């Protein structure tokens, strides 16, 4: 595995910054207009079988959008229901805004064990369309200060996110919202 992802972020380091938002389209507009980030790639209704929240089956449905500001992948997450989730925890605790940092991992399960040895617990786990599973970790301050997400660096993940990054290079502002697929 390379030491750097195709979009310039380091393996084992922060590869993504995520925010929970009330209105995905308004959030995209904010990032495009005020931060010159984009375009954003939207994945509607991310609710997969087998996802867990705090050790129980999760039924929380979200829509996500991903776009770049330089080499930083920005993820916007809009909860679509009131089912219990790491997103609802944050909203209840302090409202909308920063949610987590995504860490690029060659082996999510091994990284999760390392974090757990330092006092973290798995708060959420779900399969992702780019391969593997993501794991959100909480050391007791997740809703207050933000969670850590372990991102599985698969070929599909690196290719997909690098494609999003390439779309941001010299982007002229057209088509700010695009399909994830």
Protein backbone atom coordinates (compact mmCIF):
# COMPACT_ATOMS: atom_id res chain seq x y z
CA UNK A 1 0.00 0.00 0.00
CA UNK A 2 1.33 3.45 -0.92
CA UNK A 3 2.23 5.96 1.80
CA UNK A 4 -0.07 8.51 0.20
CA UNK A 5 -3.58 8.32 -1.20
CA UNK A 6 -4.19 9.27 -4.82
CA UNK A 7 -5.54 12.64 -3.70
CA UNK A 8 -2.48 13.56 -1.65
CA UNK A 9 -3.42 12.67 1.94
CA UNK A 10 -1.14 10.40 3.99
CA UNK A 11 -1.92 6.80 4.89
CA UNK A 12 -2.61 6.63 8.61
CA UNK A 13 -3.42 10.33 8.79
CA UNK A 14 -6.47 12.54 8.46
CA UNK A 15 -7.99 11.93 5.04
CA UNK A 16 -11.41 13.53 5.57
CA UNK A 17 -13.24 16.14 7.65
CA UNK A 18 -16.99 15.60 8.16
CA UNK A 19 -19.91 17.77 9.20
CA UNK A 20 -23.47 16.87 10.13
CA UNK A 21 -25.90 19.26 8.41
CA UNK A 22 -29.59 20.02 8.59
CA UNK A 23 -30.05 20.67 4.87
CA UNK A 24 -27.60 19.01 2.49
CA UNK A 25 -28.29 21.26 -0.52
CA UNK A 26 -27.91 24.42 1.58
CA UNK A 27 -24.67 23.07 3.06
CA UNK A 28 -23.31 22.29 -0.40
CA UNK A 29 -24.21 25.81 -1.52
CA UNK A 30 -22.37 27.24 1.51
CA UNK A 31 -19.21 25.23 0.82
CA UNK A 32 -19.25 26.02 -2.91
CA UNK A 33 -20.01 29.74 -2.52
CA UNK A 34 -18.05 30.64 0.60
CA UNK A 35 -15.22 28.10 0.69
CA UNK A 36 -14.68 27.45 -3.03
CA UNK A 37 -14.97 23.71 -2.39
CA UNK A 38 -16.54 21.27 -4.82
CA UNK A 39 -18.05 19.82 -6.80
CA UNK A 40 -19.93 17.57 -4.35
CA UNK A 41 -20.81 13.96 -5.07
CA UNK A 42 -24.05 12.82 -3.42
CA UNK A 43 -24.95 9.35 -2.17
CA UNK A 44 -28.67 9.25 -1.34
CA UNK A 45 -30.06 7.07 1.44
CA UNK A 46 -26.98 5.46 2.91
CA UNK A 47 -28.64 2.75 5.00
CA UNK A 48 -27.02 -0.65 4.61
CA UNK A 49 -27.91 -4.03 6.09
CA UNK A 50 -25.78 -4.99 9.07
CA UNK A 51 -24.79 -1.52 10.19
CA UNK A 52 -24.52 -1.18 13.96
CA UNK A 53 -24.81 1.71 16.40
CA UNK A 54 -23.49 1.23 19.93
CA UNK A 55 -23.59 -2.57 19.47
CA UNK A 56 -27.19 -2.74 18.21
CA UNK A 57 -28.59 -2.89 14.69
CA UNK A 58 -28.92 0.61 13.26
CA UNK A 59 -31.81 1.80 11.14
CA UNK A 60 -30.61 5.38 10.78
CA UNK A 61 -30.75 6.65 7.20
CA UNK A 62 -28.51 9.45 5.94
CA UNK A 63 -27.59 11.17 2.72
CA UNK A 64 -23.96 12.17 2.24
CA UNK A 65 -22.07 14.47 -0.08
CA UNK A 66 -18.32 14.54 -0.65
CA UNK A 67 -16.23 17.25 -2.25
CA UNK A 68 -12.74 18.66 -2.03
CA UNK A 69 -11.18 21.84 -0.71
CA UNK A 70 -7.61 21.46 -1.93
CA UNK A 71 -6.48 18.00 -0.84
CA UNK A 72 -8.97 17.78 2.05
CA UNK A 73 -12.03 15.63 1.47
CA UNK A 74 -15.10 17.31 2.98
CA UNK A 75 -18.03 15.05 3.88
CA UNK A 76 -21.48 16.50 4.56
CA UNK A 77 -23.99 14.22 6.32
CA UNK A 78 -27.72 14.85 6.55
CA UNK A 79 -29.73 12.53 8.83
CA UNK A 80 -33.02 11.62 7.15
CA UNK A 81 -34.87 10.29 10.21
CA UNK A 82 -34.87 10.45 13.99
CA UNK A 83 -33.48 6.95 14.57
CA UNK A 84 -30.63 6.77 17.11
CA UNK A 85 -27.22 7.40 15.55
CA UNK A 86 -23.85 9.02 16.09
CA UNK A 87 -25.22 11.93 14.06
CA UNK A 88 -28.26 12.42 16.30
CA UNK A 89 -25.97 12.22 19.35
CA UNK A 90 -23.97 15.17 18.07
CA UNK A 91 -27.05 17.18 17.12
CA UNK A 92 -28.61 16.62 20.56
CA UNK A 93 -25.38 17.48 22.36
CA UNK A 94 -24.29 20.62 20.50
CA UNK A 95 -26.21 21.01 17.26
CA UNK A 96 -25.09 20.77 13.65
CA UNK A 97 -21.49 21.22 12.58
CA UNK A 98 -18.22 19.34 12.86
CA UNK A 99 -18.75 15.61 13.34
CA UNK A 100 -15.57 13.58 12.75
CA UNK A 101 -12.15 13.22 11.23
CA UNK A 102 -11.67 10.26 8.88
CA UNK A 103 -8.37 8.42 9.25
CA UNK A 104 -6.99 6.45 6.28
CA UNK A 105 -6.39 2.83 7.38
CA UNK A 106 -4.91 -0.16 5.61
CA UNK A 107 -6.58 -2.42 8.20
CA UNK A 108 -9.65 -0.94 9.93
CA UNK A 109 -10.05 -3.84 12.38
CA UNK A 110 -6.43 -3.65 13.53
CA UNK A 111 -6.66 0.13 13.88
CA UNK A 112 -9.90 -0.23 15.86
CA UNK A 113 -8.18 -2.61 18.28
CA UNK A 114 -5.32 -0.12 18.72
CA UNK A 115 -7.75 2.70 19.51
CA UNK A 116 -9.73 0.46 21.87
CA UNK A 117 -6.51 -0.29 23.77
CA UNK A 118 -6.32 3.49 24.35
CA UNK A 119 -9.86 3.68 25.74
CA UNK A 120 -11.97 4.18 22.63
CA UNK A 121 -15.14 2.22 21.88
CA UNK A 122 -16.79 1.45 18.58
CA UNK A 123 -19.83 3.68 18.24
CA UNK A 124 -20.84 2.83 14.65
CA UNK A 125 -19.85 0.34 11.96
CA UNK A 126 -21.13 -0.02 8.40
CA UNK A 127 -20.14 -1.45 5.04
CA UNK A 128 -19.39 1.20 2.43
CA UNK A 129 -19.86 1.10 -1.36
CA UNK A 130 -16.13 1.60 -2.02
CA UNK A 131 -15.27 -1.62 -0.15
CA UNK A 132 -14.75 -2.62 3.46
CA UNK A 133 -16.36 -1.14 6.55
CA UNK A 134 -16.03 2.21 8.28
CA UNK A 135 -15.80 2.35 12.06
CA UNK A 136 -16.60 5.41 14.17
CA UNK A 137 -14.77 5.54 17.49
CA UNK A 138 -15.65 7.43 20.66
CA UNK A 139 -13.50 7.97 23.74
CA UNK A 140 -16.41 9.46 25.68
CA UNK A 141 -16.21 12.87 24.05
CA UNK A 142 -17.41 12.02 20.52
CA UNK A 143 -20.65 14.02 20.61
CA UNK A 144 -18.85 16.96 22.20
CA UNK A 145 -15.53 17.13 20.34
CA UNK A 146 -16.03 14.81 17.38
CA UNK A 147 -15.62 11.15 16.54
CA UNK A 148 -12.77 9.42 14.76
CA UNK A 149 -13.75 7.44 11.68
CA UNK A 150 -11.51 4.67 10.41
CA UNK A 151 -11.66 4.67 6.60
CA UNK A 152 -10.76 1.44 4.82
CA UNK A 153 -8.27 2.26 2.10
CA UNK A 154 -9.37 -0.10 -0.63
CA UNK A 155 -8.69 0.24 -4.33
CA UNK A 156 -12.33 1.33 -4.74
CA UNK A 157 -12.03 3.98 -2.03
CA UNK A 158 -8.81 5.47 -3.37
CA UNK A 159 -10.05 5.45 -6.97
CA UNK A 160 -13.42 6.99 -6.06
CA UNK A 161 -12.06 9.73 -3.82
CA UNK A 162 -9.22 10.48 -6.26
CA UNK A 163 -11.84 10.83 -9.02
CA UNK A 164 -13.69 13.36 -6.85
CA UNK A 165 -10.43 15.24 -6.21
CA UNK A 166 -9.54 15.34 -9.91
CA UNK A 167 -12.99 16.80 -10.64
CA UNK A 168 -12.14 19.65 -8.24
CA UNK A 169 -8.94 20.61 -10.05
CA UNK A 170 -9.58 23.71 -12.15
CA UNK A 171 -13.32 23.26 -11.49
CA UNK A 172 -15.29 26.13 -13.05
CA UNK A 173 -18.28 25.95 -10.67
CA UNK A 174 -20.62 24.16 -13.06
CA UNK A 175 -22.60 21.15 -11.87
CA UNK A 176 -21.86 21.63 -8.16
CA UNK A 177 -23.98 18.55 -7.29
CA UNK A 178 -23.15 15.25 -8.96
CA UNK A 179 -23.92 11.58 -8.45
CA UNK A 180 -21.60 9.57 -6.20
CA UNK A 181 -21.65 6.64 -8.60
